[in-house]
C-alpha cells in the first residue's frame, strides 16, 4: 500500500474534468425534441395547467439534462476512483461483467461495483448486481490459489456502511461517501479534498454549456410551437397526445 499524493489527484482532475464538460455539450447537441417528448407524460402537463410552450420545453429539457449529467458524471467519478485506488493499492479496471474495480487488500481480492449515490437500485437491479458478484466470485475462486473475495457496492456520495449476506458464500458490503473514498484510498479526508479540484474551470465550462443549452432551448421552443400549437398560440393538446401516445 502507498500513501496517496493529493497532487496526483489534482493533476488527474485538471487533465480529465474537461471530458465531463465536453460530453455534456456533445450529448446536448445530439438531442432531438421529439425523442425526449415521446418519453414524457402529456397528461401531467395538462393536469398542472402548463399553457406556455417554452415552459413545457424547458421542463422536459431540464429533466433530461439532470438525468444525463448524473450518468456522465457518474462515469467520470468511476474513472477517478479507479485512478485513486491504483495509486494506493495498485487496483485496476476489471474486465468482469458488472465489476468496475479490482484490487488486493488485507489478503483478499476486492471486487467493486461503483455507483454515483446510494439510491440507485430497485429489486431487479440489485439482483443483477448480486448475480454479477456471484459470477465474479466463482471465476476468481476457480482460477486457483484459494483466493478470498470481498464484494463491495461503492457509492461516491451519500451515507451508508453496511454488510449484507447474500445467496452465495461471502458478504456484500455497501460503502457510500466518506466510507467509500476511505475504503479505496486509506485517506479519511479524501471525500472533502476532492471538492475543490473538481471545480477546476467550472465557471468557464458552465458558461460554454449555457450557450449550447440556450440555443437548444430556443430551437426546441420554436419547433414545439410549429408542431404542437394552434394558430392562435394555444397548445394543441390533441396533436401533442396523438404524437406521444397514438398507435399509428
C-alpha atoms as a PDB file:
ATOM      1  CA  UNK A   1       0.000   0.000   0.000  1.00  0.00           C
ATOM      2  CA  UNK A   2       1.198   3.502  -0.861  1.00  0.00           C
ATOM      3  CA  UNK A   3       0.223   6.849   0.641  1.00  0.00           C
ATOM      4  CA  UNK A   4      -1.980   8.903  -1.651  1.00  0.00           C
ATOM      5  CA  UNK A   5      -0.350  12.033  -3.056  1.00  0.00           C
ATOM      6  CA  UNK A   6      -3.093  14.643  -3.391  1.00  0.00           C
ATOM      7  CA  UNK A   7      -1.100  16.476  -6.040  1.00  0.00           C
ATOM      8  CA  UNK A   8      -1.514  13.410  -8.280  1.00  0.00           C
ATOM      9  CA  UNK A   9      -5.267  13.577  -7.736  1.00  0.00           C
ATOM     10  CA  UNK A  10      -5.386  17.301  -8.508  1.00  0.00           C
ATOM     11  CA  UNK A  11      -3.403  16.771 -11.704  1.00  0.00           C
ATOM     12  CA  UNK A  12      -5.697  13.922 -12.785  1.00  0.00           C
ATOM     13  CA  UNK A  13      -8.775  16.090 -12.224  1.00  0.00           C
ATOM     14  CA  UNK A  14      -7.218  19.024 -14.068  1.00  0.00           C
ATOM     15  CA  UNK A  15      -6.347  16.824 -17.040  1.00  0.00           C
ATOM     16  CA  UNK A  16      -9.671  14.975 -17.190  1.00  0.00           C
ATOM     17  CA  UNK A  17     -12.521  17.166 -15.898  1.00  0.00           C
ATOM     18  CA  UNK A  18     -12.819  18.727 -19.344  1.00  0.00           C
ATOM     19  CA  UNK A  19     -14.020  15.350 -20.642  1.00  0.00           C
ATOM     20  CA  UNK A  20     -17.099  15.562 -18.425  1.00  0.00           C
ATOM     21  CA  UNK A  21     -17.945  19.077 -19.574  1.00  0.00           C
ATOM     22  CA  UNK A  22     -17.421  18.258 -23.257  1.00  0.00           C
ATOM     23  CA  UNK A  23     -19.640  15.171 -23.055  1.00  0.00           C
ATOM     24  CA  UNK A  24     -22.398  17.325 -21.546  1.00  0.00           C
ATOM     25  CA  UNK A  25     -22.266  19.610 -24.556  1.00  0.00           C
ATOM     26  CA  UNK A  26     -21.926  16.785 -27.102  1.00  0.00           C
ATOM     27  CA  UNK A  27     -24.993  14.956 -25.780  1.00  0.00           C
ATOM     28  CA  UNK A  28     -26.979  18.183 -25.769  1.00  0.00           C
ATOM     29  CA  UNK A  29     -26.000  18.965 -29.361  1.00  0.00           C
ATOM     30  CA  UNK A  30     -27.149  15.498 -30.484  1.00  0.00           C
ATOM     31  CA  UNK A  31     -30.535  15.773 -28.761  1.00  0.00           C
ATOM     32  CA  UNK A  32     -33.827  15.827 -30.676  1.00  0.00           C
ATOM     33  CA  UNK A  33     -37.009  17.340 -29.248  1.00  0.00           C
ATOM     34  CA  UNK A  34     -39.324  14.598 -30.493  1.00  0.00           C
ATOM     35  CA  UNK A  35     -37.158  11.906 -28.927  1.00  0.00           C
ATOM     36  CA  UNK A  36     -37.483  13.283 -25.402  1.00  0.00           C
ATOM     37  CA  UNK A  37     -41.070  14.456 -25.937  1.00  0.00           C
ATOM     38  CA  UNK A  38     -42.161  10.877 -26.598  1.00  0.00           C
ATOM     39  CA  UNK A  39     -40.797   9.850 -23.181  1.00  0.00           C
ATOM     40  CA  UNK A  40     -42.773  12.447 -21.212  1.00  0.00           C
ATOM     41  CA  UNK A  41     -46.330  12.332 -19.878  1.00  0.00           C
ATOM     42  CA  UNK A  42     -48.508  14.886 -21.728  1.00  0.00           C
ATOM     43  CA  UNK A  43     -51.351  14.331 -19.257  1.00  0.00           C
ATOM     44  CA  UNK A  44     -49.128  15.614 -16.458  1.00  0.00           C
ATOM     45  CA  UNK A  45     -48.524  18.872 -18.337  1.00  0.00           C
ATOM     46  CA  UNK A  46     -52.295  19.285 -18.730  1.00  0.00           C
ATOM     47  CA  UNK A  47     -53.016  18.389 -15.104  1.00  0.00           C
ATOM     48  CA  UNK A  48     -50.549  21.057 -13.978  1.00  0.00           C
ATOM     49  CA  UNK A  49     -52.177  23.553 -16.381  1.00  0.00           C
ATOM     50  CA  UNK A  50     -48.925  24.237 -18.220  1.00  0.00           C
ATOM     51  CA  UNK A  51     -50.066  26.538 -21.011  1.00  0.00           C
ATOM     52  CA  UNK A  52     -46.821  28.089 -22.273  1.00  0.00           C
ATOM     53  CA  UNK A  53     -44.827  26.220 -24.914  1.00  0.00           C
ATOM     54  CA  UNK A  54     -41.474  27.363 -23.560  1.00  0.00           C
ATOM     55  CA  UNK A  55     -42.420  26.086 -20.068  1.00  0.00           C
ATOM     56  CA  UNK A  56     -43.103  22.597 -21.421  1.00  0.00           C
ATOM     57  CA  UNK A  57     -39.914  22.560 -23.457  1.00  0.00           C
ATOM     58  CA  UNK A  58     -37.747  23.834 -20.623  1.00  0.00           C
ATOM     59  CA  UNK A  59     -39.303  21.351 -18.212  1.00  0.00           C
ATOM     60  CA  UNK A  60     -38.541  18.302 -20.348  1.00  0.00           C
ATOM     61  CA  UNK A  61     -35.121  19.657 -21.340  1.00  0.00           C
ATOM     62  CA  UNK A  62     -34.091  20.325 -17.728  1.00  0.00           C
ATOM     63  CA  UNK A  63     -35.241  16.854 -16.656  1.00  0.00           C
ATOM     64  CA  UNK A  64     -33.217  15.280 -19.473  1.00  0.00           C
ATOM     65  CA  UNK A  65     -30.132  17.366 -18.660  1.00  0.00           C
ATOM     66  CA  UNK A  66     -30.288  16.398 -14.982  1.00  0.00           C
ATOM     67  CA  UNK A  67     -30.545  12.689 -15.747  1.00  0.00           C
ATOM     68  CA  UNK A  68     -27.876  12.850 -18.443  1.00  0.00           C
ATOM     69  CA  UNK A  69     -25.404  14.732 -16.254  1.00  0.00           C
ATOM     70  CA  UNK A  70     -25.833  12.263 -13.409  1.00  0.00           C
ATOM     71  CA  UNK A  71     -24.856   9.430 -15.728  1.00  0.00           C
ATOM     72  CA  UNK A  72     -21.945  11.246 -17.353  1.00  0.00           C
ATOM     73  CA  UNK A  73     -20.509  12.440 -14.055  1.00  0.00           C
ATOM     74  CA  UNK A  74     -21.003   9.016 -12.500  1.00  0.00           C
ATOM     75  CA  UNK A  75     -18.818   7.509 -15.217  1.00  0.00           C
ATOM     76  CA  UNK A  76     -16.243  10.251 -14.653  1.00  0.00           C
ATOM     77  CA  UNK A  77     -16.163   9.637 -10.902  1.00  0.00           C
ATOM     78  CA  UNK A  78     -15.689   5.925 -11.546  1.00  0.00           C
ATOM     79  CA  UNK A  79     -12.545   6.743 -13.508  1.00  0.00           C
ATOM     80  CA  UNK A  80     -11.309   8.966 -10.700  1.00  0.00           C
ATOM     81  CA  UNK A  81     -11.941   6.258  -8.098  1.00  0.00           C
ATOM     82  CA  UNK A  82     -10.000   3.688 -10.130  1.00  0.00           C
ATOM     83  CA  UNK A  83      -7.131   6.157 -10.564  1.00  0.00           C
ATOM     84  CA  UNK A  84      -7.002   6.856  -6.827  1.00  0.00           C
ATOM     85  CA  UNK A  85      -7.140   3.193  -5.906  1.00  0.00           C
ATOM     86  CA  UNK A  86      -4.399   2.342  -8.394  1.00  0.00           C
ATOM     87  CA  UNK A  87      -2.108   4.883  -6.753  1.00  0.00           C
ATOM     88  CA  UNK A  88      -2.691   3.420  -3.281  1.00  0.00           C
ATOM     89  CA  UNK A  89      -3.385  -0.299  -3.753  1.00  0.00           C
ATOM     90  CA  UNK A  90      -2.434  -0.903  -7.391  1.00  0.00           C
ATOM     91  CA  UNK A  91      -6.051  -1.573  -8.358  1.00  0.00           C
ATOM     92  CA  UNK A  92      -7.259  -1.899 -11.936  1.00  0.00           C
ATOM     93  CA  UNK A  93     -10.348  -1.604 -14.111  1.00  0.00           C
ATOM     94  CA  UNK A  94     -11.970  -5.028 -14.013  1.00  0.00           C
ATOM     95  CA  UNK A  95     -12.748  -6.991 -17.144  1.00  0.00           C
ATOM     96  CA  UNK A  96     -15.532  -8.999 -15.481  1.00  0.00           C
ATOM     97  CA  UNK A  97     -19.167  -8.208 -16.237  1.00  0.00           C
ATOM     98  CA  UNK A  98     -20.660  -5.684 -13.842  1.00  0.00           C
ATOM     99  CA  UNK A  99     -17.424  -5.230 -11.886  1.00  0.00           C
ATOM    100  CA  UNK A 100     -15.715  -1.841 -12.148  1.00  0.00           C
ATOM    101  CA  UNK A 101     -12.662  -2.178  -9.902  1.00  0.00           C
ATOM    102  CA  UNK A 102     -10.445  -4.966  -8.594  1.00  0.00           C
ATOM    103  CA  UNK A 103      -7.678  -4.667  -6.025  1.00  0.00           C
ATOM    104  CA  UNK A 104      -5.967  -6.657  -3.316  1.00  0.00           C
ATOM    105  CA  UNK A 105      -6.257  -5.526   0.305  1.00  0.00           C
ATOM    106  CA  UNK A 106      -5.706  -7.297   3.628  1.00  0.00           C
ATOM    107  CA  UNK A 107      -5.127 -10.638   1.924  1.00  0.00           C
ATOM    108  CA  UNK A 108      -8.346 -10.544  -0.117  1.00  0.00           C
ATOM    109  CA  UNK A 109      -9.335  -9.717  -3.687  1.00  0.00           C
ATOM    110  CA  UNK A 110     -11.789  -6.842  -3.572  1.00  0.00           C
ATOM    111  CA  UNK A 111     -14.324  -6.630  -6.388  1.00  0.00           C
ATOM    112  CA  UNK A 112     -16.212  -3.339  -6.554  1.00  0.00           C
ATOM    113  CA  UNK A 113     -19.238  -2.039  -8.418  1.00  0.00           C
ATOM    114  CA  UNK A 114     -19.185   1.772  -8.379  1.00  0.00           C
ATOM    115  CA  UNK A 115     -22.368   3.870  -8.412  1.00  0.00           C
ATOM    116  CA  UNK A 116     -22.881   7.606  -8.009  1.00  0.00           C
ATOM    117  CA  UNK A 117     -25.151   7.567  -4.960  1.00  0.00           C
ATOM    118  CA  UNK A 118     -26.819   5.144  -2.546  1.00  0.00           C
ATOM    119  CA  UNK A 119     -30.336   5.145  -4.026  1.00  0.00           C
ATOM    120  CA  UNK A 120     -29.527   3.747  -7.455  1.00  0.00           C
ATOM    121  CA  UNK A 121     -31.168   0.323  -7.203  1.00  0.00           C
ATOM    122  CA  UNK A 122     -34.516  -1.399  -7.363  1.00  0.00           C
ATOM    123  CA  UNK A 123     -35.076  -5.096  -6.689  1.00  0.00           C
ATOM    124  CA  UNK A 124     -34.162  -6.211 -10.215  1.00  0.00           C
ATOM    125  CA  UNK A 125     -31.004  -4.093 -10.498  1.00  0.00           C
ATOM    126  CA  UNK A 126     -29.882  -5.180  -7.033  1.00  0.00           C
ATOM    127  CA  UNK A 127     -30.408  -8.841  -8.036  1.00  0.00           C
ATOM    128  CA  UNK A 128     -28.410  -8.257 -11.217  1.00  0.00           C
ATOM    129  CA  UNK A 129     -25.530  -6.857  -9.170  1.00  0.00           C
ATOM    130  CA  UNK A 130     -25.654  -9.873  -6.854  1.00  0.00           C
ATOM    131  CA  UNK A 131     -25.557 -12.200  -9.865  1.00  0.00           C
ATOM    132  CA  UNK A 132     -22.527 -10.327 -11.232  1.00  0.00           C
ATOM    133  CA  UNK A 133     -20.751 -10.651  -7.883  1.00  0.00           C
ATOM    134  CA  UNK A 134     -21.556 -14.358  -7.705  1.00  0.00           C
ATOM    135  CA  UNK A 135     -20.199 -14.948 -11.206  1.00  0.00           C
ATOM    136  CA  UNK A 136     -17.053 -12.942 -10.468  1.00  0.00           C
ATOM    137  CA  UNK A 137     -16.512 -14.748  -7.168  1.00  0.00           C
ATOM    138  CA  UNK A 138     -16.871 -18.135  -8.865  1.00  0.00           C
ATOM    139  CA  UNK A 139     -14.496 -17.131 -11.659  1.00  0.00           C
ATOM    140  CA  UNK A 140     -11.834 -15.944  -9.229  1.00  0.00           C
ATOM    141  CA  UNK A 141     -12.118 -18.975  -6.975  1.00  0.00           C
ATOM    142  CA  UNK A 142     -11.848 -21.429  -9.877  1.00  0.00           C
ATOM    143  CA  UNK A 143      -8.703 -19.665 -11.085  1.00  0.00           C
ATOM    144  CA  UNK A 144      -6.861 -21.331  -8.209  1.00  0.00           C
ATOM    145  CA  UNK A 145      -4.962 -20.209  -5.158  1.00  0.00           C
ATOM    146  CA  UNK A 146      -7.891 -20.377  -2.708  1.00  0.00           C
ATOM    147  CA  UNK A 147      -8.400 -16.648  -3.075  1.00  0.00           C
ATOM    148  CA  UNK A 148     -10.612 -14.834  -0.551  1.00  0.00           C
ATOM    149  CA  UNK A 149     -13.044 -12.479  -2.301  1.00  0.00           C
ATOM    150  CA  UNK A 150     -14.730  -9.377  -0.851  1.00  0.00           C
ATOM    151  CA  UNK A 151     -17.630  -7.837  -2.807  1.00  0.00           C
ATOM    152  CA  UNK A 152     -18.405  -4.134  -2.428  1.00  0.00           C
ATOM    153  CA  UNK A 153     -21.029  -1.778  -3.785  1.00  0.00           C
ATOM    154  CA  UNK A 154     -19.270   1.590  -3.619  1.00  0.00           C
ATOM    155  CA  UNK A 155     -21.189   4.877  -3.901  1.00  0.00           C
ATOM    156  CA  UNK A 156     -19.378   8.153  -4.484  1.00  0.00           C
ATOM    157  CA  UNK A 157     -21.691  10.230  -2.288  1.00  0.00           C
ATOM    158  CA  UNK A 158     -24.272   9.712   0.439  1.00  0.00           C
ATOM    159  CA  UNK A 159     -24.218   7.735   3.654  1.00  0.00           C
ATOM    160  CA  UNK A 160     -24.135   4.007   4.206  1.00  0.00           C
ATOM    161  CA  UNK A 161     -21.750   1.442   5.614  1.00  0.00           C
ATOM    162  CA  UNK A 162     -23.469  -1.911   5.731  1.00  0.00           C
ATOM    163  CA  UNK A 163     -22.770  -5.606   5.402  1.00  0.00           C
ATOM    164  CA  UNK A 164     -25.286  -7.857   3.657  1.00  0.00           C
ATOM    165  CA  UNK A 165     -25.432 -11.610   3.437  1.00  0.00           C
ATOM    166  CA  UNK A 166     -26.458 -12.973   0.083  1.00  0.00           C
ATOM    167  CA  UNK A 167     -27.274 -16.278  -1.524  1.00  0.00           C
ATOM    168  CA  UNK A 168     -23.748 -17.497  -2.280  1.00  0.00           C
ATOM    169  CA  UNK A 169     -20.882 -17.727   0.184  1.00  0.00           C
ATOM    170  CA  UNK A 170     -19.449 -14.418   1.237  1.00  0.00           C
ATOM    171  CA  UNK A 171     -20.590 -10.961   2.222  1.00  0.00           C
ATOM    172  CA  UNK A 172     -21.540  -7.869   0.301  1.00  0.00           C
ATOM    173  CA  UNK A 173     -20.544  -4.500   1.727  1.00  0.00           C
ATOM    174  CA  UNK A 174     -22.041  -1.145   0.773  1.00  0.00           C
ATOM    175  CA  UNK A 175     -19.827   1.888   1.350  1.00  0.00           C
ATOM    176  CA  UNK A 176     -21.003   5.400   0.491  1.00  0.00           C
ATOM    177  CA  UNK A 177     -19.466   8.860   0.630  1.00  0.00           C
ATOM    178  CA  UNK A 178     -16.609   9.147   3.093  1.00  0.00           C
ATOM    179  CA  UNK A 179     -16.708   5.394   3.792  1.00  0.00           C
ATOM    180  CA  UNK A 180     -16.208   4.592   0.109  1.00  0.00           C
ATOM    181  CA  UNK A 181     -13.381   7.048  -0.568  1.00  0.00           C
ATOM    182  CA  UNK A 182     -11.610   5.969   2.637  1.00  0.00           C
ATOM    183  CA  UNK A 183     -12.015   2.313   1.663  1.00  0.00           C
ATOM    184  CA  UNK A 184     -10.347   2.739  -1.728  1.00  0.00           C
ATOM    185  CA  UNK A 185      -7.682   5.278  -0.676  1.00  0.00           C
ATOM    186  CA  UNK A 186      -6.948   4.790   3.041  1.00  0.00           C
ATOM    187  CA  UNK A 187      -7.468   8.559   3.351  1.00  0.00           C
ATOM    188  CA  UNK A 188     -10.339   9.718   5.579  1.00  0.00           C
ATOM    189  CA  UNK A 189     -10.247  13.303   4.254  1.00  0.00           C
ATOM    190  CA  UNK A 190     -10.243  12.479   0.567  1.00  0.00           C
ATOM    191  CA  UNK A 191     -14.011  12.905   0.202  1.00  0.00           C
ATOM    192  CA  UNK A 192     -13.541  16.543   1.242  1.00  0.00           C
ATOM    193  CA  UNK A 193     -10.255  17.124  -0.536  1.00  0.00           C
ATOM    194  CA  UNK A 194     -11.865  16.252  -3.897  1.00  0.00           C
ATOM    195  CA  UNK A 195     -14.441  19.041  -3.862  1.00  0.00           C
ATOM    196  CA  UNK A 196     -12.042  21.907  -4.688  1.00  0.00           C
ATOM    197  CA  UNK A 197     -10.125  20.387  -7.621  1.00  0.00           C
ATOM    198  CA  UNK A 198     -13.348  19.094  -9.196  1.00  0.00           C
ATOM    199  CA  UNK A 199     -14.397  22.744  -9.568  1.00  0.00           C
ATOM    200  CA  UNK A 200     -11.422  23.410 -11.887  1.00  0.00           C
ATOM    201  CA  UNK A 201     -12.579  25.843 -14.597  1.00  0.00           C
ATOM    202  CA  UNK A 202     -16.206  25.144 -13.620  1.00  0.00           C
ATOM    203  CA  UNK A 203     -17.360  28.737 -14.285  1.00  0.00           C
ATOM    204  CA  UNK A 204     -15.749  28.826 -17.729  1.00  0.00           C
ATOM    205  CA  UNK A 205     -17.027  25.376 -18.706  1.00  0.00           C
ATOM    206  CA  UNK A 206     -20.552  26.047 -17.487  1.00  0.00           C
ATOM    207  CA  UNK A 207     -20.698  29.254 -19.496  1.00  0.00           C
ATOM    208  CA  UNK A 208     -19.893  27.186 -22.604  1.00  0.00           C
ATOM    209  CA  UNK A 209     -22.624  24.728 -21.673  1.00  0.00           C
ATOM    210  CA  UNK A 210     -25.145  27.509 -21.034  1.00  0.00           C
ATOM    211  CA  UNK A 211     -24.518  28.890 -24.512  1.00  0.00           C
ATOM    212  CA  UNK A 212     -25.302  25.495 -26.072  1.00  0.00           C
ATOM    213  CA  UNK A 213     -28.261  24.980 -23.740  1.00  0.00           C
ATOM    214  CA  UNK A 214     -29.781  28.352 -24.660  1.00  0.00           C
ATOM    215  CA  UNK A 215     -29.538  27.598 -28.377  1.00  0.00           C
ATOM    216  CA  UNK A 216     -31.201  24.207 -27.936  1.00  0.00           C
ATOM    217  CA  UNK A 217     -33.942  25.691 -25.738  1.00  0.00           C
ATOM    218  CA  UNK A 218     -34.727  28.359 -28.346  1.00  0.00           C
ATOM    219  CA  UNK A 219     -34.617  25.829 -31.180  1.00  0.00           C
ATOM    220  CA  UNK A 220     -36.876  23.349 -29.392  1.00  0.00           C
ATOM    221  CA  UNK A 221     -39.361  26.044 -28.345  1.00  0.00           C
ATOM    222  CA  UNK A 222     -39.723  27.136 -31.974  1.00  0.00           C
ATOM    223  CA  UNK A 223     -40.081  23.524 -33.120  1.00  0.00           C
ATOM    224  CA  UNK A 224     -42.692  22.799 -30.453  1.00  0.00           C
ATOM    225  CA  UNK A 225     -44.693  25.907 -31.375  1.00  0.00           C
ATOM    226  CA  UNK A 226     -44.661  24.974 -35.054  1.00  0.00           C
ATOM    227  CA  UNK A 227     -45.778  21.389 -34.441  1.00  0.00           C
ATOM    228  CA  UNK A 228     -47.926  21.463 -31.325  1.00  0.00           C
ATOM    229  CA  UNK A 229     -49.557  24.918 -31.151  1.00  0.00           C
ATOM    230  CA  UNK A 230     -52.695  26.232 -32.816  1.00  0.00           C
ATOM    231  CA  UNK A 231     -52.732  29.336 -34.995  1.00  0.00           C
ATOM    232  CA  UNK A 232     -53.773  31.473 -32.023  1.00  0.00           C
ATOM    233  CA  UNK A 233     -50.772  30.238 -29.993  1.00  0.00           C
ATOM    234  CA  UNK A 234     -52.637  27.842 -27.690  1.00  0.00           C
ATOM    235  CA  UNK A 235     -51.182  24.373 -27.202  1.00  0.00           C
ATOM    236  CA  UNK A 236     -52.838  21.771 -29.422  1.00  0.00           C
ATOM    237  CA  UNK A 237     -53.325  19.070 -26.797  1.00  0.00           C
ATOM    238  CA  UNK A 238     -54.966  16.650 -29.235  1.00  0.00           C
ATOM    239  CA  UNK A 239     -51.962  16.762 -31.530  1.00  0.00           C
ATOM    240  CA  UNK A 240     -49.491  16.510 -28.638  1.00  0.00           C
ATOM    241  CA  UNK A 241     -51.215  13.473 -27.101  1.00  0.00           C
ATOM    242  CA  UNK A 242     -51.561  11.860 -30.514  1.00  0.00           C
ATOM    243  CA  UNK A 243     -47.846  12.288 -31.187  1.00  0.00           C
ATOM    244  CA  UNK A 244     -46.950  10.890 -27.773  1.00  0.00           C
ATOM    245  CA  UNK A 245     -49.412   8.003 -27.475  1.00  0.00           C
ATOM    246  CA  UNK A 246     -51.179   7.153 -30.746  1.00  0.00           C
ATOM    247  CA  UNK A 247     -50.844   3.594 -32.096  1.00  0.00           C
ATOM    248  CA  UNK A 248     -50.338   4.980 -35.582  1.00  0.00           C
END
